[in-house]
Amino acid sequence: MSSRSNITIHEIERAIHVIRGQRVMLDSDLAELYGVTTAALNQAVKRNADRFPDDFAFQLTQ
């Protein structure tokens, strides 16, 4: 975890986007919040997919 422990509510709110009517956070923003790389975050989600609801994550395409 990151040594940065004082993340403000404003910083979190700024990282929330509305896409297709859903409030979402990008994996890169979540990784930064948790102090890990995006690759490590995505790997952890894939490794623990059964712990998340089906609509927890989706991938945007062009």
N, C-alpha and C. Protein backbone atom coordinates (compact mmCIF):
# COMPACT_ATOMS: atom_id res chain seq x y z
N MET A 1 0.83 -1.17 0.00
CA MET A 1 0.00 0.00 0.00
C MET A 1 0.88 1.24 0.00
N SER A 2 0.38 2.29 -0.53
CA SER A 2 1.12 3.53 -0.66
C SER A 2 1.40 4.15 0.71
N SER A 3 2.47 4.90 0.78
CA SER A 3 2.77 5.61 2.02
C SER A 3 1.87 6.83 2.17
N ARG A 4 1.17 7.18 1.13
CA ARG A 4 0.27 8.32 1.16
C ARG A 4 -1.05 7.89 1.77
N SER A 5 -1.34 8.35 2.96
CA SER A 5 -2.55 7.89 3.65
C SER A 5 -3.63 8.95 3.77
N ASN A 6 -3.34 10.18 3.40
CA ASN A 6 -4.30 11.26 3.54
C ASN A 6 -4.90 11.64 2.19
N ILE A 7 -5.71 10.77 1.65
CA ILE A 7 -6.38 11.05 0.39
C ILE A 7 -7.68 11.77 0.72
N THR A 8 -7.92 12.88 0.05
CA THR A 8 -9.10 13.67 0.37
C THR A 8 -10.33 13.14 -0.37
N ILE A 9 -11.48 13.45 0.18
CA ILE A 9 -12.74 13.07 -0.47
C ILE A 9 -12.81 13.71 -1.84
N HIS A 10 -12.33 14.93 -1.96
CA HIS A 10 -12.34 15.62 -3.25
C HIS A 10 -11.55 14.83 -4.30
N GLU A 11 -10.42 14.28 -3.92
CA GLU A 11 -9.61 13.49 -4.86
C GLU A 11 -10.36 12.24 -5.31
N ILE A 12 -11.06 11.62 -4.39
CA ILE A 12 -11.83 10.43 -4.75
C ILE A 12 -13.00 10.81 -5.65
N GLU A 13 -13.70 11.88 -5.30
CA GLU A 13 -14.83 12.33 -6.12
C GLU A 13 -14.38 12.68 -7.53
N ARG A 14 -13.20 13.27 -7.65
CA ARG A 14 -12.67 13.63 -8.97
C ARG A 14 -12.38 12.40 -9.81
N ALA A 15 -12.09 11.29 -9.17
CA ALA A 15 -11.75 10.06 -9.90
C ALA A 15 -12.99 9.28 -10.33
N ILE A 16 -14.16 9.69 -9.87
CA ILE A 16 -15.40 9.01 -10.25
C ILE A 16 -15.94 9.65 -11.52
N HIS A 17 -16.19 8.81 -12.52
CA HIS A 17 -16.71 9.27 -13.81
C HIS A 17 -18.09 8.65 -14.02
N VAL A 18 -18.91 9.31 -14.84
CA VAL A 18 -20.20 8.73 -15.22
C VAL A 18 -20.07 8.25 -16.65
N ILE A 19 -20.19 6.94 -16.84
CA ILE A 19 -20.09 6.33 -18.15
C ILE A 19 -21.32 5.46 -18.35
N ARG A 20 -22.04 5.73 -19.42
CA ARG A 20 -23.28 4.98 -19.72
C ARG A 20 -24.24 5.01 -18.53
N GLY A 21 -24.27 6.14 -17.85
CA GLY A 21 -25.17 6.31 -16.73
C GLY A 21 -24.74 5.64 -15.44
N GLN A 22 -23.55 5.07 -15.42
CA GLN A 22 -23.04 4.39 -14.23
C GLN A 22 -21.85 5.17 -13.67
N ARG A 23 -21.79 5.28 -12.35
CA ARG A 23 -20.62 5.89 -11.72
C ARG A 23 -19.52 4.85 -11.68
N VAL A 24 -18.36 5.20 -12.23
CA VAL A 24 -17.25 4.24 -12.30
C VAL A 24 -15.95 4.92 -11.91
N MET A 25 -14.99 4.08 -11.55
CA MET A 25 -13.62 4.54 -11.36
C MET A 25 -12.75 3.71 -12.28
N LEU A 26 -11.81 4.36 -12.93
CA LEU A 26 -10.90 3.67 -13.82
C LEU A 26 -9.91 2.85 -13.00
N ASP A 27 -9.45 1.76 -13.60
CA ASP A 27 -8.51 0.90 -12.89
C ASP A 27 -7.24 1.65 -12.50
N SER A 28 -6.82 2.57 -13.34
CA SER A 28 -5.60 3.33 -13.02
C SER A 28 -5.81 4.22 -11.80
N ASP A 29 -7.01 4.79 -11.66
CA ASP A 29 -7.31 5.62 -10.49
C ASP A 29 -7.40 4.77 -9.22
N LEU A 30 -8.02 3.61 -9.33
CA LEU A 30 -8.10 2.71 -8.17
C LEU A 30 -6.72 2.23 -7.76
N ALA A 31 -5.89 1.90 -8.75
CA ALA A 31 -4.54 1.44 -8.44
C ALA A 31 -3.76 2.53 -7.70
N GLU A 32 -3.90 3.76 -8.17
CA GLU A 32 -3.21 4.87 -7.50
C GLU A 32 -3.71 5.02 -6.06
N LEU A 33 -5.01 4.89 -5.89
CA LEU A 33 -5.62 5.01 -4.57
C LEU A 33 -5.07 3.96 -3.61
N TYR A 34 -4.87 2.74 -4.11
CA TYR A 34 -4.37 1.64 -3.28
C TYR A 34 -2.84 1.55 -3.28
N GLY A 35 -2.19 2.37 -4.08
CA GLY A 35 -0.73 2.38 -4.07
C GLY A 35 -0.10 1.18 -4.74
N VAL A 36 -0.76 0.66 -5.77
CA VAL A 36 -0.23 -0.48 -6.53
C VAL A 36 -0.24 -0.12 -8.01
N THR A 37 0.39 -0.96 -8.81
CA THR A 37 0.35 -0.71 -10.26
C THR A 37 -1.01 -1.15 -10.80
N THR A 38 -1.36 -0.60 -11.95
CA THR A 38 -2.61 -0.99 -12.61
C THR A 38 -2.59 -2.48 -12.93
N ALA A 39 -1.45 -2.97 -13.38
CA ALA A 39 -1.33 -4.40 -13.71
C ALA A 39 -1.58 -5.26 -12.48
N ALA A 40 -1.02 -4.87 -11.35
CA ALA A 40 -1.21 -5.64 -10.11
C ALA A 40 -2.67 -5.62 -9.68
N LEU A 41 -3.33 -4.48 -9.80
CA LEU A 41 -4.75 -4.38 -9.44
C LEU A 41 -5.58 -5.30 -10.33
N ASN A 42 -5.37 -5.22 -11.65
CA ASN A 42 -6.13 -6.05 -12.58
C ASN A 42 -5.87 -7.54 -12.35
N GLN A 43 -4.64 -7.89 -12.05
CA GLN A 43 -4.31 -9.28 -11.78
C GLN A 43 -5.03 -9.77 -10.52
N ALA A 44 -5.07 -8.94 -9.50
CA ALA A 44 -5.75 -9.31 -8.26
C ALA A 44 -7.25 -9.50 -8.49
N VAL A 45 -7.84 -8.63 -9.31
CA VAL A 45 -9.27 -8.76 -9.62
C VAL A 45 -9.53 -10.06 -10.38
N LYS A 46 -8.69 -10.36 -11.37
CA LYS A 46 -8.86 -11.60 -12.13
C LYS A 46 -8.68 -12.83 -11.24
N ARG A 47 -7.70 -12.77 -10.36
CA ARG A 47 -7.39 -13.90 -9.48
C ARG A 47 -8.53 -14.14 -8.47
N ASN A 48 -9.26 -13.09 -8.14
CA ASN A 48 -10.32 -13.19 -7.14
C ASN A 48 -11.69 -12.87 -7.72
N ALA A 49 -11.90 -13.20 -8.98
CA ALA A 49 -13.14 -12.85 -9.68
C ALA A 49 -14.39 -13.36 -8.96
N ASP A 50 -14.30 -14.49 -8.31
CA ASP A 50 -15.46 -15.05 -7.62
C ASP A 50 -15.88 -14.24 -6.40
N ARG A 51 -15.07 -13.32 -5.97
CA ARG A 51 -15.40 -12.48 -4.81
C ARG A 51 -16.17 -11.22 -5.19
N PHE A 52 -16.29 -10.95 -6.48
CA PHE A 52 -16.93 -9.73 -6.95
C PHE A 52 -18.24 -10.05 -7.65
N PRO A 53 -19.23 -9.15 -7.55
CA PRO A 53 -20.48 -9.36 -8.29
C PRO A 53 -20.21 -9.28 -9.80
N ASP A 54 -21.12 -9.85 -10.59
CA ASP A 54 -20.94 -9.88 -12.04
C ASP A 54 -20.80 -8.49 -12.66
N ASP A 55 -21.48 -7.50 -12.08
CA ASP A 55 -21.44 -6.15 -12.66
C ASP A 55 -20.38 -5.26 -12.01
N PHE A 56 -19.43 -5.86 -11.32
CA PHE A 56 -18.39 -5.09 -10.63
C PHE A 56 -17.50 -4.33 -11.60
N ALA A 57 -17.17 -4.96 -12.71
CA ALA A 57 -16.23 -4.35 -13.66
C ALA A 57 -16.69 -4.60 -15.08
N PHE A 58 -16.36 -3.65 -15.95
CA PHE A 58 -16.58 -3.86 -17.37
C PHE A 58 -15.46 -3.18 -18.12
N GLN A 59 -15.28 -3.60 -19.37
CA GLN A 59 -14.19 -3.07 -20.18
C GLN A 59 -14.78 -2.24 -21.31
N LEU A 60 -14.27 -1.04 -21.48
CA LEU A 60 -14.71 -0.18 -22.57
C LEU A 60 -13.98 -0.54 -23.84
N THR A 61 -14.67 -0.45 -24.94
CA THR A 61 -14.05 -0.68 -26.25
C THR A 61 -14.26 0.57 -27.10
N GLN A 62 -13.59 0.61 -28.22
CA GLN A 62 -13.71 1.79 -29.08
C GLN A 62 -15.02 1.87 -29.77
